[in-house]
Amino acid sequence: MYRIGEHLIHPGQGVCTVMGFEDAPAPMIVLEAKAGHARTRMRYPLSQADRLHACITHDEAEQLLEHYADLECDPFTERNSSLEESYFKGRIKQGAPDTVCVAKTMRSRIEDALRRDKRPSSYYTRIFKEAHRRAVEELAVALGVSEDAVAERLDEATGEASVN
């Protein structure tokens, strides 16, 4: 199933590394998540392993970055911003390419609001930061490079300075 050292996408934590397995009191996968500068170890029930999925491959990450300009923003809108935010949070949990698409969508909405001399919705900023963080983290793992290197490549792909 999973191997020690393998990288997985945890729906709530993002990229995690399989650190081991435990049998008692119930079968568990021991995962280590890195969010920002902190590392967190957690046990995840093997019975829910179908909610975890592998990170994208090196080739998939390269394709995603090379064709970033072709990636369409998500047109989803809802009158209730809370429902809209929930929708995008759900997409973020899927990992790349969804995280990249959500980050691009929120970046576009923020820039559009600023062009119209409007203050962007606070949820745009929250979702952008989380989607961008997760996208950078997963792409860095897939490409075997630093998160800073991936952030630079994403900034180059957008042709603009970082929004965060």
C-alpha atoms as a PDB file:
ATOM      1  CA  MET A   1       0.000   0.000   0.000  1.00  0.00           C
ATOM      2  CA  TYR A   2       2.231   2.835   1.231  1.00  0.00           C
ATOM      3  CA  ARG A   3       5.968   2.784   1.912  1.00  0.00           C
ATOM      4  CA  ILE A   4       7.993   4.552   4.585  1.00  0.00           C
ATOM      5  CA  GLY A   5       9.368   7.771   3.101  1.00  0.00           C
ATOM      6  CA  GLU A   6       6.563   8.089   0.549  1.00  0.00           C
ATOM      7  CA  HIS A   7       4.843  11.473   0.258  1.00  0.00           C
ATOM      8  CA  LEU A   8       1.056  11.633   0.458  1.00  0.00           C
ATOM      9  CA  ILE A   9      -1.599  14.334   0.384  1.00  0.00           C
ATOM     10  CA  HIS A  10      -3.537  14.486   3.659  1.00  0.00           C
ATOM     11  CA  PRO A  11      -6.852  16.361   3.179  1.00  0.00           C
ATOM     12  CA  GLY A  12      -6.333  18.583   6.213  1.00  0.00           C
ATOM     13  CA  GLN A  13      -2.546  18.902   6.359  1.00  0.00           C
ATOM     14  CA  GLY A  14      -1.352  18.817   2.759  1.00  0.00           C
ATOM     15  CA  VAL A  15       1.899  17.009   2.001  1.00  0.00           C
ATOM     16  CA  CYS A  16       2.838  14.370   4.572  1.00  0.00           C
ATOM     17  CA  THR A  17       5.605  11.782   4.706  1.00  0.00           C
ATOM     18  CA  VAL A  18       4.900   8.193   5.769  1.00  0.00           C
ATOM     19  CA  MET A  19       7.083   7.630   8.835  1.00  0.00           C
ATOM     20  CA  GLY A  20       5.856   4.195   9.881  1.00  0.00           C
ATOM     21  CA  PHE A  21       2.944   1.973  10.841  1.00  0.00           C
ATOM     22  CA  GLU A  22       1.345   0.921  14.129  1.00  0.00           C
ATOM     23  CA  ASP A  23      -0.991  -1.983  14.877  1.00  0.00           C
ATOM     24  CA  ALA A  24      -2.343  -1.115  18.327  1.00  0.00           C
ATOM     25  CA  PRO A  25      -4.943  -0.126  19.334  1.00  0.00           C
ATOM     26  CA  ALA A  26      -6.001  -0.045  15.663  1.00  0.00           C
ATOM     27  CA  PRO A  27      -3.985  -0.122  12.415  1.00  0.00           C
ATOM     28  CA  MET A  28      -2.502   3.342  11.850  1.00  0.00           C
ATOM     29  CA  ILE A  29      -0.181   5.089   9.424  1.00  0.00           C
ATOM     30  CA  VAL A  30       2.281   7.407  11.153  1.00  0.00           C
ATOM     31  CA  LEU A  31       2.567  10.597   9.110  1.00  0.00           C
ATOM     32  CA  GLU A  32       4.687  13.699   9.428  1.00  0.00           C
ATOM     33  CA  ALA A  33       3.319  16.950   8.027  1.00  0.00           C
ATOM     34  CA  LYS A  34       5.290  20.093   7.430  1.00  0.00           C
ATOM     35  CA  ALA A  35       3.211  23.244   7.567  1.00  0.00           C
ATOM     36  CA  GLY A  36       5.368  26.334   7.375  1.00  0.00           C
ATOM     37  CA  HIS A  37       8.364  25.835   9.630  1.00  0.00           C
ATOM     38  CA  ALA A  38       6.812  23.342  12.046  1.00  0.00           C
ATOM     39  CA  ARG A  39       6.624  19.577  11.676  1.00  0.00           C
ATOM     40  CA  THR A  40       3.745  17.596  13.131  1.00  0.00           C
ATOM     41  CA  ARG A  41       3.579  13.844  13.622  1.00  0.00           C
ATOM     42  CA  MET A  42       0.173  12.232  13.563  1.00  0.00           C
ATOM     43  CA  ARG A  43      -1.420   8.835  13.396  1.00  0.00           C
ATOM     44  CA  TYR A  44      -3.958   8.295  10.646  1.00  0.00           C
ATOM     45  CA  PRO A  45      -6.401   5.352  10.644  1.00  0.00           C
ATOM     46  CA  LEU A  46      -5.550   2.804   7.989  1.00  0.00           C
ATOM     47  CA  SER A  47      -9.313   2.302   7.569  1.00  0.00           C
ATOM     48  CA  GLN A  48      -9.496   5.843   6.122  1.00  0.00           C
ATOM     49  CA  ALA A  49      -6.438   5.517   3.877  1.00  0.00           C
ATOM     50  CA  ASP A  50      -8.659   6.032   0.820  1.00  0.00           C
ATOM     51  CA  ARG A  51      -8.815   9.727   1.780  1.00  0.00           C
ATOM     52  CA  LEU A  52      -5.031   9.983   1.291  1.00  0.00           C
ATOM     53  CA  HIS A  53      -3.497  10.098  -2.158  1.00  0.00           C
ATOM     54  CA  ALA A  54      -0.052  10.242  -3.689  1.00  0.00           C
ATOM     55  CA  CYS A  55       1.642  13.503  -4.620  1.00  0.00           C
ATOM     56  CA  ILE A  56       1.858  14.329  -8.301  1.00  0.00           C
ATOM     57  CA  THR A  57       4.886  13.033 -10.180  1.00  0.00           C
ATOM     58  CA  HIS A  58       7.886  15.039 -11.326  1.00  0.00           C
ATOM     59  CA  ASP A  59       6.605  15.030 -14.915  1.00  0.00           C
ATOM     60  CA  GLU A  60       3.098  16.100 -13.860  1.00  0.00           C
ATOM     61  CA  ALA A  61       4.576  18.969 -11.824  1.00  0.00           C
ATOM     62  CA  GLU A  62       6.721  20.107 -14.773  1.00  0.00           C
ATOM     63  CA  GLN A  63       3.704  19.971 -17.094  1.00  0.00           C
ATOM     64  CA  LEU A  64       1.621  21.963 -14.625  1.00  0.00           C
ATOM     65  CA  LEU A  65       4.246  24.701 -14.372  1.00  0.00           C
ATOM     66  CA  GLU A  66       4.980  24.751 -18.111  1.00  0.00           C
ATOM     67  CA  HIS A  67       1.284  25.076 -18.963  1.00  0.00           C
ATOM     68  CA  TYR A  68       0.317  27.356 -16.072  1.00  0.00           C
ATOM     69  CA  ALA A  69      -0.847  30.068 -18.496  1.00  0.00           C
ATOM     70  CA  ASP A  70      -3.268  27.586 -20.080  1.00  0.00           C
ATOM     71  CA  LEU A  71      -4.768  26.591 -16.726  1.00  0.00           C
ATOM     72  CA  GLU A  72      -8.257  28.064 -16.553  1.00  0.00           C
ATOM     73  CA  CYS A  73      -9.511  29.780 -13.425  1.00  0.00           C
ATOM     74  CA  ASP A  74     -12.423  28.097 -11.694  1.00  0.00           C
ATOM     75  CA  PRO A  75     -15.602  30.009 -12.630  1.00  0.00           C
ATOM     76  CA  PHE A  76     -17.544  28.814  -9.564  1.00  0.00           C
ATOM     77  CA  THR A  77     -19.442  31.587  -7.797  1.00  0.00           C
ATOM     78  CA  GLU A  78     -22.109  31.561  -5.151  1.00  0.00           C
ATOM     79  CA  ARG A  79     -24.111  34.412  -3.649  1.00  0.00           C
ATOM     80  CA  ASN A  80     -23.163  33.224  -0.204  1.00  0.00           C
ATOM     81  CA  SER A  81     -19.409  33.730   0.234  1.00  0.00           C
ATOM     82  CA  SER A  82     -19.304  31.101   2.984  1.00  0.00           C
ATOM     83  CA  LEU A  83     -20.575  28.440   0.552  1.00  0.00           C
ATOM     84  CA  GLU A  84     -18.118  29.652  -2.068  1.00  0.00           C
ATOM     85  CA  GLU A  85     -15.253  29.439   0.422  1.00  0.00           C
ATOM     86  CA  SER A  86     -16.310  25.897   1.389  1.00  0.00           C
ATOM     87  CA  TYR A  87     -16.257  24.856  -2.261  1.00  0.00           C
ATOM     88  CA  PHE A  88     -12.689  26.109  -2.748  1.00  0.00           C
ATOM     89  CA  LYS A  89     -11.517  24.597   0.553  1.00  0.00           C
ATOM     90  CA  GLY A  90     -12.806  21.265  -0.736  1.00  0.00           C
ATOM     91  CA  ARG A  91     -10.784  21.629  -3.924  1.00  0.00           C
ATOM     92  CA  ILE A  92      -7.637  22.457  -1.959  1.00  0.00           C
ATOM     93  CA  LYS A  93      -7.906  19.124  -0.125  1.00  0.00           C
ATOM     94  CA  GLN A  94      -7.443  17.297  -3.444  1.00  0.00           C
ATOM     95  CA  GLY A  95      -3.833  18.420  -3.908  1.00  0.00           C
ATOM     96  CA  ALA A  96      -2.295  19.495  -7.211  1.00  0.00           C
ATOM     97  CA  PRO A  97      -3.415  20.362  -9.808  1.00  0.00           C
ATOM     98  CA  ASP A  98      -6.476  21.597  -7.869  1.00  0.00           C
ATOM     99  CA  THR A  99      -4.382  23.635  -5.419  1.00  0.00           C
ATOM    100  CA  VAL A 100      -2.642  25.399  -8.308  1.00  0.00           C
ATOM    101  CA  CYS A 101      -5.966  26.132 -10.005  1.00  0.00           C
ATOM    102  CA  VAL A 102      -7.503  27.497  -6.798  1.00  0.00           C
ATOM    103  CA  ALA A 103      -4.442  29.681  -6.121  1.00  0.00           C
ATOM    104  CA  LYS A 104      -4.580  31.023  -9.693  1.00  0.00           C
ATOM    105  CA  THR A 105      -8.327  31.678  -9.376  1.00  0.00           C
ATOM    106  CA  MET A 106      -7.961  33.568  -6.089  1.00  0.00           C
ATOM    107  CA  ARG A 107      -4.946  35.514  -7.397  1.00  0.00           C
ATOM    108  CA  SER A 108      -7.058  36.555 -10.399  1.00  0.00           C
ATOM    109  CA  ARG A 109     -10.025  37.574  -8.219  1.00  0.00           C
ATOM    110  CA  ILE A 110      -7.786  39.594  -5.899  1.00  0.00           C
ATOM    111  CA  GLU A 111      -6.137  41.366  -8.841  1.00  0.00           C
ATOM    112  CA  ASP A 112      -9.528  42.036 -10.452  1.00  0.00           C
ATOM    113  CA  ALA A 113     -10.842  43.638  -7.268  1.00  0.00           C
ATOM    114  CA  LEU A 114      -7.718  45.794  -6.948  1.00  0.00           C
ATOM    115  CA  ARG A 115      -8.016  46.921 -10.596  1.00  0.00           C
ATOM    116  CA  ARG A 116     -11.546  48.087  -9.819  1.00  0.00           C
ATOM    117  CA  ASP A 117     -10.270  49.973  -6.731  1.00  0.00           C
ATOM    118  CA  LYS A 118     -12.183  47.557  -4.515  1.00  0.00           C
ATOM    119  CA  ARG A 119     -10.976  45.781  -1.452  1.00  0.00           C
ATOM    120  CA  PRO A 120     -10.713  42.027  -2.200  1.00  0.00           C
ATOM    121  CA  SER A 121     -12.861  39.716  -0.118  1.00  0.00           C
ATOM    122  CA  SER A 122     -10.976  38.505   2.946  1.00  0.00           C
ATOM    123  CA  TYR A 123     -11.813  34.941   2.024  1.00  0.00           C
ATOM    124  CA  TYR A 124     -10.008  35.389  -1.327  1.00  0.00           C
ATOM    125  CA  THR A 125      -6.838  36.154   0.581  1.00  0.00           C
ATOM    126  CA  ARG A 126      -7.313  33.269   3.046  1.00  0.00           C
ATOM    127  CA  ILE A 127      -7.972  30.745   0.300  1.00  0.00           C
ATOM    128  CA  PHE A 128      -5.148  32.099  -1.869  1.00  0.00           C
ATOM    129  CA  LYS A 129      -2.607  31.784   0.933  1.00  0.00           C
ATOM    130  CA  GLU A 130      -3.601  28.206   1.785  1.00  0.00           C
ATOM    131  CA  ALA A 131      -3.836  27.055  -1.840  1.00  0.00           C
ATOM    132  CA  HIS A 132      -0.524  28.713  -2.710  1.00  0.00           C
ATOM    133  CA  ARG A 133       1.215  27.201   0.333  1.00  0.00           C
ATOM    134  CA  ARG A 134      -0.040  23.714  -0.466  1.00  0.00           C
ATOM    135  CA  ALA A 135       0.707  24.026  -4.189  1.00  0.00           C
ATOM    136  CA  VAL A 136       4.265  25.193  -3.522  1.00  0.00           C
ATOM    137  CA  GLU A 137       4.810  22.444  -0.952  1.00  0.00           C
ATOM    138  CA  GLU A 138       3.569  19.648  -3.231  1.00  0.00           C
ATOM    139  CA  LEU A 139       5.360  20.935  -6.328  1.00  0.00           C
ATOM    140  CA  ALA A 140       8.600  21.228  -4.342  1.00  0.00           C
ATOM    141  CA  VAL A 141       8.298  17.602  -3.199  1.00  0.00           C
ATOM    142  CA  ALA A 142       7.434  16.396  -6.718  1.00  0.00           C
ATOM    143  CA  LEU A 143      10.300  18.305  -8.329  1.00  0.00           C
ATOM    144  CA  GLY A 144      12.821  17.669  -5.551  1.00  0.00           C
ATOM    145  CA  VAL A 145      13.603  21.372  -5.184  1.00  0.00           C
ATOM    146  CA  SER A 146      13.148  23.990  -2.475  1.00  0.00           C
ATOM    147  CA  GLU A 147       9.820  25.681  -1.869  1.00  0.00           C
ATOM    148  CA  ASP A 148      11.502  29.021  -2.662  1.00  0.00           C
ATOM    149  CA  ALA A 149      12.501  27.710  -6.109  1.00  0.00           C
ATOM    150  CA  VAL A 150       8.912  26.632  -6.813  1.00  0.00           C
ATOM    151  CA  ALA A 151       7.504  29.955  -5.571  1.00  0.00           C
ATOM    152  CA  GLU A 152       9.880  31.751  -7.964  1.00  0.00           C
ATOM    153  CA  ARG A 153       8.742  29.560 -10.870  1.00  0.00           C
ATOM    154  CA  LEU A 154       5.099  30.255 -10.054  1.00  0.00           C
ATOM    155  CA  ASP A 155       5.809  33.995  -9.884  1.00  0.00           C
ATOM    156  CA  GLU A 156       7.534  33.780 -13.277  1.00  0.00           C
ATOM    157  CA  ALA A 157       4.555  31.854 -14.674  1.00  0.00           C
ATOM    158  CA  THR A 158       2.129  34.536 -13.481  1.00  0.00           C
ATOM    159  CA  GLY A 159       4.374  37.283 -14.779  1.00  0.00           C
ATOM    160  CA  GLU A 160       3.785  39.248 -11.607  1.00  0.00           C
ATOM    161  CA  ALA A 161       5.073  39.663  -8.098  1.00  0.00           C
ATOM    162  CA  SER A 162       3.633  37.414  -5.424  1.00  0.00           C
ATOM    163  CA  VAL A 163       0.242  38.417  -3.972  1.00  0.00           C
ATOM    164  CA  ASN A 164       0.884  36.940  -0.518  1.00  0.00           C
END
